[in-house]
Amino acid sequence: LQAMCEVIVHSKGTLDKFIGDCIMALWNAPKHLKNHESAAVGAALEMQAQLVDLHPQWQAEGIPKIRFRVGINTDAVLVGNFGCEYRISYTVLGDGVNLASRLEAANK
């Protein structure tokens, strides 16, 4: 996960959360990023390249190849601290987030 998170942060993305083996990230919040769409796509391509580079090392360590899927969408969403009195986290909510998740799942 470290290598993928480095790519996200380097591309000015915001790490949102880990969901199972998924990294949820967003661009254009909390700070405005003029070309957030291309930054997100560029990060996805760089993460794919990083994964290819990591496979030989992992194979030598007996770790199986990992498949990589991406779901990218740009839309108006709610962004901020959401939750309840027991747990609050900075995240994004809305149909645009749900669509990105469905696009990622469609890549199986």
PDB file of N, CA and C in Angstrom:
ATOM      1  N   LEU A   1       0.809  -1.197   0.000  1.00  0.00           N
ATOM      2  CA  LEU A   1       0.000   0.000   0.000  1.00  0.00           C
ATOM      3  C   LEU A   1       0.853   1.263   0.000  1.00  0.00           C
ATOM      4  N   GLN A   2       2.024   1.186   0.585  1.00  0.00           N
ATOM      5  CA  GLN A   2       2.866   2.378   0.694  1.00  0.00           C
ATOM      6  C   GLN A   2       3.196   2.965  -0.671  1.00  0.00           C
ATOM      7  N   ALA A   3       3.593   2.121  -1.617  1.00  0.00           N
ATOM      8  CA  ALA A   3       3.958   2.624  -2.944  1.00  0.00           C
ATOM      9  C   ALA A   3       2.778   3.306  -3.617  1.00  0.00           C
ATOM     10  N   MET A   4       1.592   2.745  -3.485  1.00  0.00           N
ATOM     11  CA  MET A   4       0.403   3.336  -4.102  1.00  0.00           C
ATOM     12  C   MET A   4       0.035   4.657  -3.420  1.00  0.00           C
ATOM     13  N   CYS A   5       0.151   4.699  -2.104  1.00  0.00           N
ATOM     14  CA  CYS A   5      -0.156   5.928  -1.376  1.00  0.00           C
ATOM     15  C   CYS A   5       0.825   7.037  -1.738  1.00  0.00           C
ATOM     16  N   GLU A   6       2.089   6.683  -1.948  1.00  0.00           N
ATOM     17  CA  GLU A   6       3.089   7.673  -2.363  1.00  0.00           C
ATOM     18  C   GLU A   6       2.694   8.303  -3.699  1.00  0.00           C
ATOM     19  N   VAL A   7       2.216   7.483  -4.623  1.00  0.00           N
ATOM     20  CA  VAL A   7       1.786   7.997  -5.930  1.00  0.00           C
ATOM     21  C   VAL A   7       0.619   8.962  -5.758  1.00  0.00           C
ATOM     22  N   ILE A   8      -0.344   8.592  -4.953  1.00  0.00           N
ATOM     23  CA  ILE A   8      -1.517   9.446  -4.728  1.00  0.00           C
ATOM     24  C   ILE A   8      -1.104  10.787  -4.140  1.00  0.00           C
ATOM     25  N   VAL A   9      -0.297  10.762  -3.097  1.00  0.00           N
ATOM     26  CA  VAL A   9       0.128  11.997  -2.439  1.00  0.00           C
ATOM     27  C   VAL A   9       0.975  12.845  -3.381  1.00  0.00           C
ATOM     28  N   HIS A  10       1.872  12.207  -4.125  1.00  0.00           N
ATOM     29  CA  HIS A  10       2.732  12.940  -5.075  1.00  0.00           C
ATOM     30  C   HIS A  10       1.903  13.645  -6.149  1.00  0.00           C
ATOM     31  N   SER A  11       0.753  13.072  -6.512  1.00  0.00           N
ATOM     32  CA  SER A  11      -0.097  13.669  -7.543  1.00  0.00           C
ATOM     33  C   SER A  11      -1.110  14.656  -6.943  1.00  0.00           C
ATOM     34  N   LYS A  12      -0.872  15.028  -5.691  1.00  0.00           N
ATOM     35  CA  LYS A  12      -1.711  15.983  -4.964  1.00  0.00           C
ATOM     36  C   LYS A  12      -3.101  15.432  -4.631  1.00  0.00           C
ATOM     37  N   GLY A  13      -3.193  14.117  -4.525  1.00  0.00           N
ATOM     38  CA  GLY A  13      -4.434  13.493  -4.103  1.00  0.00           C
ATOM     39  C   GLY A  13      -4.524  13.444  -2.593  1.00  0.00           C
ATOM     40  N   THR A  14      -5.721  13.211  -2.098  1.00  0.00           N
ATOM     41  CA  THR A  14      -5.972  13.082  -0.668  1.00  0.00           C
ATOM     42  C   THR A  14      -6.353  11.635  -0.376  1.00  0.00           C
ATOM     43  N   LEU A  15      -5.620  11.002   0.524  1.00  0.00           N
ATOM     44  CA  LEU A  15      -5.963   9.646   0.939  1.00  0.00           C
ATOM     45  C   LEU A  15      -7.200   9.728   1.821  1.00  0.00           C
ATOM     46  N   ASP A  16      -8.236   9.014   1.445  1.00  0.00           N
ATOM     47  CA  ASP A  16      -9.483   9.045   2.197  1.00  0.00           C
ATOM     48  C   ASP A  16      -9.523   7.886   3.181  1.00  0.00           C
ATOM     49  N   LYS A  17      -9.493   6.665   2.667  1.00  0.00           N
ATOM     50  CA  LYS A  17      -9.596   5.509   3.554  1.00  0.00           C
ATOM     51  C   LYS A  17      -9.146   4.249   2.828  1.00  0.00           C
ATOM     52  N   PHE A  18      -8.960   3.201   3.622  1.00  0.00           N
ATOM     53  CA  PHE A  18      -8.703   1.865   3.105  1.00  0.00           C
ATOM     54  C   PHE A  18      -9.962   1.052   3.340  1.00  0.00           C
ATOM     55  N   ILE A  19     -10.440   0.395   2.293  1.00  0.00           N
ATOM     56  CA  ILE A  19     -11.646  -0.434   2.375  1.00  0.00           C
ATOM     57  C   ILE A  19     -11.239  -1.813   1.872  1.00  0.00           C
ATOM     58  N   GLY A  20     -10.997  -2.731   2.787  1.00  0.00           N
ATOM     59  CA  GLY A  20     -10.478  -4.032   2.368  1.00  0.00           C
ATOM     60  C   GLY A  20      -9.127  -3.829   1.713  1.00  0.00           C
ATOM     61  N   ASP A  21      -9.008  -4.248   0.454  1.00  0.00           N
ATOM     62  CA  ASP A  21      -7.754  -4.044  -0.270  1.00  0.00           C
ATOM     63  C   ASP A  21      -7.826  -2.814  -1.180  1.00  0.00           C
ATOM     64  N   CYS A  22      -8.799  -1.966  -0.942  1.00  0.00           N
ATOM     65  CA  CYS A  22      -9.025  -0.772  -1.758  1.00  0.00           C
ATOM     66  C   CYS A  22      -8.440   0.459  -1.071  1.00  0.00           C
ATOM     67  N   ILE A  23      -7.887   1.349  -1.882  1.00  0.00           N
ATOM     68  CA  ILE A  23      -7.485   2.670  -1.405  1.00  0.00           C
ATOM     69  C   ILE A  23      -8.457   3.662  -2.013  1.00  0.00           C
ATOM     70  N   MET A  24      -9.166   4.388  -1.175  1.00  0.00           N
ATOM     71  CA  MET A  24     -10.059   5.427  -1.673  1.00  0.00           C
ATOM     72  C   MET A  24      -9.327   6.753  -1.558  1.00  0.00           C
ATOM     73  N   ALA A  25      -9.245   7.443  -2.678  1.00  0.00           N
ATOM     74  CA  ALA A  25      -8.554   8.732  -2.722  1.00  0.00           C
ATOM     75  C   ALA A  25      -9.405   9.729  -3.486  1.00  0.00           C
ATOM     76  N   LEU A  26      -9.121  10.999  -3.258  1.00  0.00           N
ATOM     77  CA  LEU A  26      -9.840  12.031  -3.985  1.00  0.00           C
ATOM     78  C   LEU A  26      -8.892  13.157  -4.335  1.00  0.00           C
ATOM     79  N   TRP A  27      -9.260  13.884  -5.361  1.00  0.00           N
ATOM     80  CA  TRP A  27      -8.491  15.036  -5.813  1.00  0.00           C
ATOM     81  C   TRP A  27      -9.416  16.247  -5.798  1.00  0.00           C
ATOM     82  N   ASN A  28      -8.863  17.417  -5.650  1.00  0.00           N
ATOM     83  CA  ASN A  28      -9.602  18.677  -5.674  1.00  0.00           C
ATOM     84  C   ASN A  28     -10.240  19.001  -4.328  1.00  0.00           C
ATOM     85  N   ALA A  29      -9.864  18.317  -3.277  1.00  0.00           N
ATOM     86  CA  ALA A  29     -10.322  18.633  -1.921  1.00  0.00           C
ATOM     87  C   ALA A  29      -9.312  18.032  -0.945  1.00  0.00           C
ATOM     88  N   PRO A  30      -8.983  18.658   0.125  1.00  0.00           N
ATOM     89  CA  PRO A  30      -9.551  19.898   0.602  1.00  0.00           C
ATOM     90  C   PRO A  30      -9.050  21.138  -0.136  1.00  0.00           C
ATOM     91  N   LYS A  31      -7.985  21.023  -0.901  1.00  0.00           N
ATOM     92  CA  LYS A  31      -7.485  22.168  -1.665  1.00  0.00           C
ATOM     93  C   LYS A  31      -7.878  22.031  -3.124  1.00  0.00           C
ATOM     94  N   HIS A  32      -8.230  23.162  -3.733  1.00  0.00           N
ATOM     95  CA  HIS A  32      -8.585  23.174  -5.152  1.00  0.00           C
ATOM     96  C   HIS A  32      -7.378  22.740  -5.986  1.00  0.00           C
ATOM     97  N   LEU A  33      -7.616  21.888  -6.960  1.00  0.00           N
ATOM     98  CA  LEU A  33      -6.583  21.430  -7.877  1.00  0.00           C
ATOM     99  C   LEU A  33      -7.110  21.611  -9.279  1.00  0.00           C
ATOM    100  N   LYS A  34      -6.502  22.526 -10.018  1.00  0.00           N
ATOM    101  CA  LYS A  34      -7.015  22.928 -11.324  1.00  0.00           C
ATOM    102  C   LYS A  34      -7.249  21.753 -12.270  1.00  0.00           C
ATOM    103  N   ASN A  35      -6.294  20.870 -12.407  1.00  0.00           N
ATOM    104  CA  ASN A  35      -6.398  19.736 -13.338  1.00  0.00           C
ATOM    105  C   ASN A  35      -6.577  18.431 -12.577  1.00  0.00           C
ATOM    106  N   HIS A  36      -7.561  18.391 -11.683  1.00  0.00           N
ATOM    107  CA  HIS A  36      -7.721  17.209 -10.836  1.00  0.00           C
ATOM    108  C   HIS A  36      -8.057  15.952 -11.630  1.00  0.00           C
ATOM    109  N   GLU A  37      -8.758  16.102 -12.738  1.00  0.00           N
ATOM    110  CA  GLU A  37      -9.110  14.923 -13.536  1.00  0.00           C
ATOM    111  C   GLU A  37      -7.860  14.242 -14.082  1.00  0.00           C
ATOM    112  N   SER A  38      -6.976  15.037 -14.689  1.00  0.00           N
ATOM    113  CA  SER A  38      -5.751  14.449 -15.256  1.00  0.00           C
ATOM    114  C   SER A  38      -4.810  13.968 -14.157  1.00  0.00           C
ATOM    115  N   ALA A  39      -4.834  14.617 -12.999  1.00  0.00           N
ATOM    116  CA  ALA A  39      -4.009  14.152 -11.884  1.00  0.00           C
ATOM    117  C   ALA A  39      -4.462  12.771 -11.413  1.00  0.00           C
ATOM    118  N   ALA A  40      -5.770  12.557 -11.340  1.00  0.00           N
ATOM    119  CA  ALA A  40      -6.295  11.258 -10.914  1.00  0.00           C
ATOM    120  C   ALA A  40      -5.965  10.167 -11.930  1.00  0.00           C
ATOM    121  N   VAL A  41      -6.148  10.473 -13.207  1.00  0.00           N
ATOM    122  CA  VAL A  41      -5.840   9.485 -14.251  1.00  0.00           C
ATOM    123  C   VAL A  41      -4.340   9.201 -14.283  1.00  0.00           C
ATOM    124  N   GLY A  42      -3.530  10.236 -14.159  1.00  0.00           N
ATOM    125  CA  GLY A  42      -2.077  10.051 -14.130  1.00  0.00           C
ATOM    126  C   GLY A  42      -1.640   9.192 -12.955  1.00  0.00           C
ATOM    127  N   ALA A  43      -2.268   9.404 -11.800  1.00  0.00           N
ATOM    128  CA  ALA A  43      -1.946   8.586 -10.621  1.00  0.00           C
ATOM    129  C   ALA A  43      -2.321   7.131 -10.861  1.00  0.00           C
ATOM    130  N   ALA A  44      -3.462   6.892 -11.474  1.00  0.00           N
ATOM    131  CA  ALA A  44      -3.883   5.516 -11.759  1.00  0.00           C
ATOM    132  C   ALA A  44      -2.886   4.829 -12.686  1.00  0.00           C
ATOM    133  N   LEU A  45      -2.447   5.525 -13.707  1.00  0.00           N
ATOM    134  CA  LEU A  45      -1.469   4.944 -14.633  1.00  0.00           C
ATOM    135  C   LEU A  45      -0.136   4.687 -13.941  1.00  0.00           C
ATOM    136  N   GLU A  46       0.288   5.605 -13.089  1.00  0.00           N
ATOM    137  CA  GLU A  46       1.546   5.422 -12.360  1.00  0.00           C
ATOM    138  C   GLU A  46       1.443   4.264 -11.364  1.00  0.00           C
ATOM    139  N   MET A  47       0.292   4.107 -10.723  1.00  0.00           N
ATOM    140  CA  MET A  47       0.126   2.985  -9.803  1.00  0.00           C
ATOM    141  C   MET A  47       0.183   1.656 -10.549  1.00  0.00           C
ATOM    142  N   GLN A  48      -0.388   1.611 -11.755  1.00  0.00           N
ATOM    143  CA  GLN A  48      -0.289   0.386 -12.559  1.00  0.00           C
ATOM    144  C   GLN A  48       1.168   0.080 -12.880  1.00  0.00           C
ATOM    145  N   ALA A  49       1.939   1.095 -13.239  1.00  0.00           N
ATOM    146  CA  ALA A  49       3.362   0.897 -13.544  1.00  0.00           C
ATOM    147  C   ALA A  49       4.126   0.441 -12.297  1.00  0.00           C
ATOM    148  N   GLN A  50       3.826   1.041 -11.166  1.00  0.00           N
ATOM    149  CA  GLN A  50       4.477   0.641  -9.910  1.00  0.00           C
ATOM    150  C   GLN A  50       4.197  -0.823  -9.588  1.00  0.00           C
ATOM    151  N   LEU A  51       2.958  -1.235  -9.809  1.00  0.00           N
ATOM    152  CA  LEU A  51       2.577  -2.614  -9.514  1.00  0.00           C
ATOM    153  C   LEU A  51       3.355  -3.596 -10.390  1.00  0.00           C
ATOM    154  N   VAL A  52       3.507  -3.268 -11.652  1.00  0.00           N
ATOM    155  CA  VAL A  52       4.290  -4.119 -12.555  1.00  0.00           C
ATOM    156  C   VAL A  52       5.727  -4.225 -12.055  1.00  0.00           C
ATOM    157  N   ASP A  53       6.289  -3.114 -11.589  1.00  0.00           N
ATOM    158  CA  ASP A  53       7.660  -3.117 -11.082  1.00  0.00           C
ATOM    159  C   ASP A  53       7.790  -3.922  -9.783  1.00  0.00           C
ATOM    160  N   LEU A  54       6.736  -3.963  -8.977  1.00  0.00           N
ATOM    161  CA  LEU A  54       6.784  -4.671  -7.690  1.00  0.00           C
ATOM    162  C   LEU A  54       6.574  -6.177  -7.822  1.00  0.00           C
ATOM    163  N   HIS A  55       5.917  -6.623  -8.891  1.00  0.00           N
ATOM    164  CA  HIS A  55       5.599  -8.049  -9.031  1.00  0.00           C
ATOM    165  C   HIS A  55       6.818  -8.972  -8.952  1.00  0.00           C
ATOM    166  N   PRO A  56       7.956  -8.678  -9.631  1.00  0.00           N
ATOM    167  CA  PRO A  56       9.100  -9.594  -9.517  1.00  0.00           C
ATOM    168  C   PRO A  56       9.607  -9.749  -8.082  1.00  0.00           C
ATOM    169  N   GLN A  57       9.657  -8.651  -7.345  1.00  0.00           N
ATOM    170  CA  GLN A  57      10.101  -8.709  -5.947  1.00  0.00           C
ATOM    171  C   GLN A  57       9.133  -9.548  -5.126  1.00  0.00           C
ATOM    172  N   TRP A  58       7.858  -9.321  -5.310  1.00  0.00           N
ATOM    173  CA  TRP A  58       6.858 -10.073  -4.561  1.00  0.00           C
ATOM    174  C   TRP A  58       6.879 -11.557  -4.940  1.00  0.00           C
ATOM    175  N   GLN A  59       7.070 -11.842  -6.229  1.00  0.00           N
ATOM    176  CA  GLN A  59       7.133 -13.235  -6.668  1.00  0.00           C
ATOM    177  C   GLN A  59       8.296 -13.950  -5.977  1.00  0.00           C
ATOM    178  N   ALA A  60       9.439 -13.272  -5.863  1.00  0.00           N
ATOM    179  CA  ALA A  60      10.594 -13.858  -5.187  1.00  0.00           C
ATOM    180  C   ALA A  60      10.309 -14.120  -3.712  1.00  0.00           C
ATOM    181  N   GLU A  61       9.403 -13.342  -3.134  1.00  0.00           N
ATOM    182  CA  GLU A  61       9.027 -13.510  -1.729  1.00  0.00           C
ATOM    183  C   GLU A  61       7.838 -14.448  -1.554  1.00  0.00           C
ATOM    184  N   GLY A  62       7.351 -15.018  -2.679  1.00  0.00           N
ATOM    185  CA  GLY A  62       6.230 -15.948  -2.606  1.00  0.00           C
ATOM    186  C   GLY A  62       4.870 -15.275  -2.528  1.00  0.00           C
ATOM    187  N   ILE A  63       4.825 -13.980  -2.818  1.00  0.00           N
ATOM    188  CA  ILE A  63       3.560 -13.245  -2.782  1.00  0.00           C
ATOM    189  C   ILE A  63       2.936 -13.313  -4.176  1.00  0.00           C
ATOM    190  N   PRO A  64       1.682 -13.718  -4.288  1.00  0.00           N
ATOM    191  CA  PRO A  64       1.057 -13.824  -5.614  1.00  0.00           C
ATOM    192  C   PRO A  64       0.843 -12.449  -6.256  1.00  0.00           C
ATOM    193  N   LYS A  65       0.688 -12.464  -7.578  1.00  0.00           N
ATOM    194  CA  LYS A  65       0.421 -11.229  -8.300  1.00  0.00           C
ATOM    195  C   LYS A  65      -0.881 -10.612  -7.815  1.00  0.00           C
ATOM    196  N   ILE A  66      -0.890  -9.315  -7.766  1.00  0.00           N
ATOM    197  CA  ILE A  66      -2.076  -8.569  -7.349  1.00  0.00           C
ATOM    198  C   ILE A  66      -2.684  -7.915  -8.576  1.00  0.00           C
ATOM    199  N   ARG A  67      -3.995  -8.063  -8.707  1.00  0.00           N
ATOM    200  CA  ARG A  67      -4.705  -7.397  -9.801  1.00  0.00           C
ATOM    201  C   ARG A  67      -5.068  -5.990  -9.363  1.00  0.00           C
ATOM    202  N   PHE A  68      -5.130  -5.097 -10.323  1.00  0.00           N
ATOM    203  CA  PHE A  68      -5.342  -3.683 -10.042  1.00  0.00           C
ATOM    204  C   PHE A  68      -6.525  -3.179 -10.846  1.00  0.00           C
ATOM    205  N   ARG A  69      -7.493  -2.576 -10.166  1.00  0.00           N
ATOM    206  CA  ARG A  69      -8.650  -1.990 -10.849  1.00  0.00           C
ATOM    207  C   ARG A  69      -8.826  -0.561 -10.359  1.00  0.00           C
ATOM    208  N   VAL A  70      -9.402   0.259 -11.224  1.00  0.00           N
ATOM    209  CA  VAL A  70      -9.591   1.666 -10.898  1.00  0.00           C
ATOM    210  C   VAL A  70     -11.003   2.087 -11.271  1.00  0.00           C
ATOM    211  N   GLY A  71     -11.573   2.958 -10.475  1.00  0.00           N
ATOM    212  CA  GLY A  71     -12.823   3.622 -10.812  1.00  0.00           C
ATOM    213  C   GLY A  71     -12.633   5.111 -10.607  1.00  0.00           C
ATOM    214  N   ILE A  72     -12.725   5.877 -11.672  1.00  0.00           N
ATOM    215  CA  ILE A  72     -12.535   7.328 -11.593  1.00  0.00           C
ATOM    216  C   ILE A  72     -13.798   8.002 -12.108  1.00  0.00           C
ATOM    217  N   ASN A  73     -14.264   8.973 -11.353  1.00  0.00           N
ATOM    218  CA  ASN A  73     -15.401   9.767 -11.773  1.00  0.00           C
ATOM    219  C   ASN A  73     -15.206  11.185 -11.259  1.00  0.00           C
ATOM    220  N   THR A  74     -15.681  12.147 -12.004  1.00  0.00           N
ATOM    221  CA  THR A  74     -15.662  13.521 -11.530  1.00  0.00           C
ATOM    222  C   THR A  74     -17.099  14.028 -11.481  1.00  0.00           C
ATOM    223  N   ASP A  75     -17.453  14.631 -10.355  1.00  0.00           N
ATOM    224  CA  ASP A  75     -18.830  15.065 -10.133  1.00  0.00           C
ATOM    225  C   ASP A  75     -18.841  16.008  -8.933  1.00  0.00           C
ATOM    226  N   ALA A  76     -19.927  16.699  -8.755  1.00  0.00           N
ATOM    227  CA  ALA A  76     -20.116  17.494  -7.547  1.00  0.00           C
ATOM    228  C   ALA A  76     -20.526  16.542  -6.425  1.00  0.00           C
ATOM    229  N   VAL A  77     -19.788  16.571  -5.335  1.00  0.00           N
ATOM    230  CA  VAL A  77     -20.065  15.695  -4.197  1.00  0.00           C
ATOM    231  C   VAL A  77     -19.976  16.520  -2.911  1.00  0.00           C
ATOM    232  N   LEU A  78     -20.466  15.956  -1.837  1.00  0.00           N
ATOM    233  CA  LEU A  78     -20.300  16.568  -0.529  1.00  0.00           C
ATOM    234  C   LEU A  78     -18.953  16.134   0.027  1.00  0.00           C
ATOM    235  N   VAL A  79     -18.204  17.063   0.557  1.00  0.00           N
ATOM    236  CA  VAL A  79     -16.895  16.750   1.123  1.00  0.00           C
ATOM    237  C   VAL A  79     -16.778  17.433   2.480  1.00  0.00           C
ATOM    238  N   GLY A  80     -16.275  16.679   3.457  1.00  0.00           N
ATOM    239  CA  GLY A  80     -16.104  17.246   4.787  1.00  0.00           C
ATOM    240  C   GLY A  80     -16.051  16.173   5.845  1.00  0.00           C
ATOM    241  N   ASN A  81     -16.269  16.590   7.069  1.00  0.00           N
ATOM    242  CA  ASN A  81     -16.280  15.666   8.204  1.00  0.00           C
ATOM    243  C   ASN A  81     -17.700  15.157   8.404  1.00  0.00           C
ATOM    244  N   PHE A  82     -17.872  13.854   8.242  1.00  0.00           N
ATOM    245  CA  PHE A  82     -19.183  13.225   8.368  1.00  0.00           C
ATOM    246  C   PHE A  82     -19.110  12.111   9.397  1.00  0.00           C
ATOM    247  N   GLY A  83     -20.228  11.847  10.022  1.00  0.00           N
ATOM    248  CA  GLY A  83     -20.286  10.741  10.962  1.00  0.00           C
ATOM    249  C   GLY A  83     -21.313  10.986  12.039  1.00  0.00           C
ATOM    250  N   CYS A  84     -20.967  10.514  13.217  1.00  0.00           N
ATOM    251  CA  CYS A  84     -21.860  10.615  14.361  1.00  0.00           C
ATOM    252  C   CYS A  84     -21.007  10.883  15.598  1.00  0.00           C
ATOM    253  N   GLU A  85     -21.618  10.881  16.740  1.00  0.00           N
ATOM    254  CA  GLU A  85     -20.864  11.181  17.953  1.00  0.00           C
ATOM    255  C   GLU A  85     -19.816  10.115  18.269  1.00  0.00           C
ATOM    256  N   TYR A  86     -19.929   8.930  17.681  1.00  0.00           N
ATOM    257  CA  TYR A  86     -18.987   7.846  17.959  1.00  0.00           C
ATOM    258  C   TYR A  86     -17.796   7.810  17.006  1.00  0.00           C
ATOM    259  N   ARG A  87     -18.003   8.322  15.797  1.00  0.00           N
ATOM    260  CA  ARG A  87     -16.916   8.299  14.817  1.00  0.00           C
ATOM    261  C   ARG A  87     -17.191   9.321  13.730  1.00  0.00           C
ATOM    262  N   ILE A  88     -16.196  10.139  13.461  1.00  0.00           N
ATOM    263  CA  ILE A  88     -16.278  11.141  12.399  1.00  0.00           C
ATOM    264  C   ILE A  88     -15.047  10.977  11.517  1.00  0.00           C
ATOM    265  N   SER A  89     -15.234  11.126  10.215  1.00  0.00           N
ATOM    266  CA  SER A  89     -14.082  11.093   9.324  1.00  0.00           C
ATOM    267  C   SER A  89     -14.293  12.055   8.163  1.00  0.00           C
ATOM    268  N   TYR A  90     -13.182  12.551   7.658  1.00  0.00           N
ATOM    269  CA  TYR A  90     -13.178  13.413   6.487  1.00  0.00           C
ATOM    270  C   TYR A  90     -13.338  12.510   5.271  1.00  0.00           C
ATOM    271  N   THR A  91     -14.359  12.749   4.465  1.00  0.00           N
ATOM    272  CA  THR A  91     -14.630  11.880   3.329  1.00  0.00           C
ATOM    273  C   THR A  91     -15.510  12.607   2.322  1.00  0.00           C
ATOM    274  N   VAL A  92     -15.932  11.902   1.310  1.00  0.00           N
ATOM    275  CA  VAL A  92     -16.844  12.435   0.294  1.00  0.00           C
ATOM    276  C   VAL A  92     -18.084  11.558   0.223  1.00  0.00           C
ATOM    277  N   LEU A  93     -19.220  12.189  -0.066  1.00  0.00           N
ATOM    278  CA  LEU A  93     -20.492  11.490  -0.178  1.00  0.00           C
ATOM    279  C   LEU A  93     -21.208  11.952  -1.437  1.00  0.00           C
ATOM    280  N   GLY A  94     -21.963  11.057  -2.040  1.00  0.00           N
ATOM    281  CA  GLY A  94     -22.799  11.454  -3.161  1.00  0.00           C
ATOM    282  C   GLY A  94     -22.808  10.431  -4.275  1.00  0.00           C
ATOM    283  N   ASP A  95     -23.691  10.670  -5.239  1.00  0.00           N
ATOM    284  CA  ASP A  95     -23.828   9.760  -6.373  1.00  0.00           C
ATOM    285  C   ASP A  95     -22.529   9.606  -7.147  1.00  0.00           C
ATOM    286  N   GLY A  96     -21.756  10.674  -7.250  1.00  0.00           N
ATOM    287  CA  GLY A  96     -20.483  10.602  -7.973  1.00  0.00           C
ATOM    288  C   GLY A  96     -19.501   9.630  -7.350  1.00  0.00           C
ATOM    289  N   VAL A  97     -19.513   9.537  -6.031  1.00  0.00           N
ATOM    290  CA  VAL A  97     -18.657   8.582  -5.318  1.00  0.00           C
ATOM    291  C   VAL A  97     -19.144   7.165  -5.580  1.00  0.00           C
ATOM    292  N   ASN A  98     -20.457   6.981  -5.529  1.00  0.00           N
ATOM    293  CA  ASN A  98     -21.029   5.653  -5.781  1.00  0.00           C
ATOM    294  C   ASN A  98     -20.728   5.183  -7.196  1.00  0.00           C
ATOM    295  N   LEU A  99     -20.785   6.106  -8.167  1.00  0.00           N
ATOM    296  CA  LEU A  99     -20.483   5.727  -9.546  1.00  0.00           C
ATOM    297  C   LEU A  99     -19.027   5.297  -9.696  1.00  0.00           C
ATOM    298  N   ALA A 100     -18.111   6.009  -9.071  1.00  0.00           N
ATOM    299  CA  ALA A 100     -16.694   5.616  -9.136  1.00  0.00           C
ATOM    300  C   ALA A 100     -16.498   4.211  -8.575  1.00  0.00           C
ATOM    301  N   SER A 101     -17.179   3.910  -7.476  1.00  0.00           N
ATOM    302  CA  SER A 101     -17.096   2.577  -6.881  1.00  0.00           C
ATOM    303  C   SER A 101     -17.640   1.516  -7.831  1.00  0.00           C
ATOM    304  N   ARG A 102     -18.739   1.827  -8.486  1.00  0.00           N
ATOM    305  CA  ARG A 102     -19.323   0.860  -9.429  1.00  0.00           C
ATOM    306  C   ARG A 102     -18.439   0.677 -10.668  1.00  0.00           C
ATOM    307  N   LEU A 103     -17.788   1.734 -11.115  1.00  0.00           N
ATOM    308  CA  LEU A 103     -16.865   1.613 -12.255  1.00  0.00           C
ATOM    309  C   LEU A 103     -15.689   0.717 -11.894  1.00  0.00           C
ATOM    310  N   GLU A 104     -15.182   0.879 -10.676  1.00  0.00           N
ATOM    311  CA  GLU A 104     -14.080   0.010 -10.232  1.00  0.00           C
ATOM    312  C   GLU A 104     -14.531  -1.443 -10.197  1.00  0.00           C
ATOM    313  N   ALA A 105     -15.705  -1.705  -9.669  1.00  0.00           N
ATOM    314  CA  ALA A 105     -16.218  -3.070  -9.573  1.00  0.00           C
ATOM    315  C   ALA A 105     -16.475  -3.669 -10.954  1.00  0.00           C
ATOM    316  N   ALA A 106     -16.856  -2.849 -11.914  1.00  0.00           N
ATOM    317  CA  ALA A 106     -17.140  -3.338 -13.268  1.00  0.00           C
ATOM    318  C   ALA A 106     -15.887  -3.815 -13.981  1.00  0.00           C
ATOM    319  N   ASN A 107     -14.722  -3.489 -13.465  1.00  0.00           N
ATOM    320  CA  ASN A 107     -13.454  -3.888 -14.079  1.00  0.00           C
ATOM    321  C   ASN A 107     -13.005  -5.295 -13.701  1.00  0.00           C
ATOM    322  N   LYS A 108     -13.837  -6.049 -12.989  1.00  0.00           N
ATOM    323  CA  LYS A 108     -13.442  -7.403 -12.564  1.00  0.00           C
ATOM    324  C   LYS A 108     -13.262  -8.306 -13.765  1.00  0.00           C
TER     325      LYS A 108
END
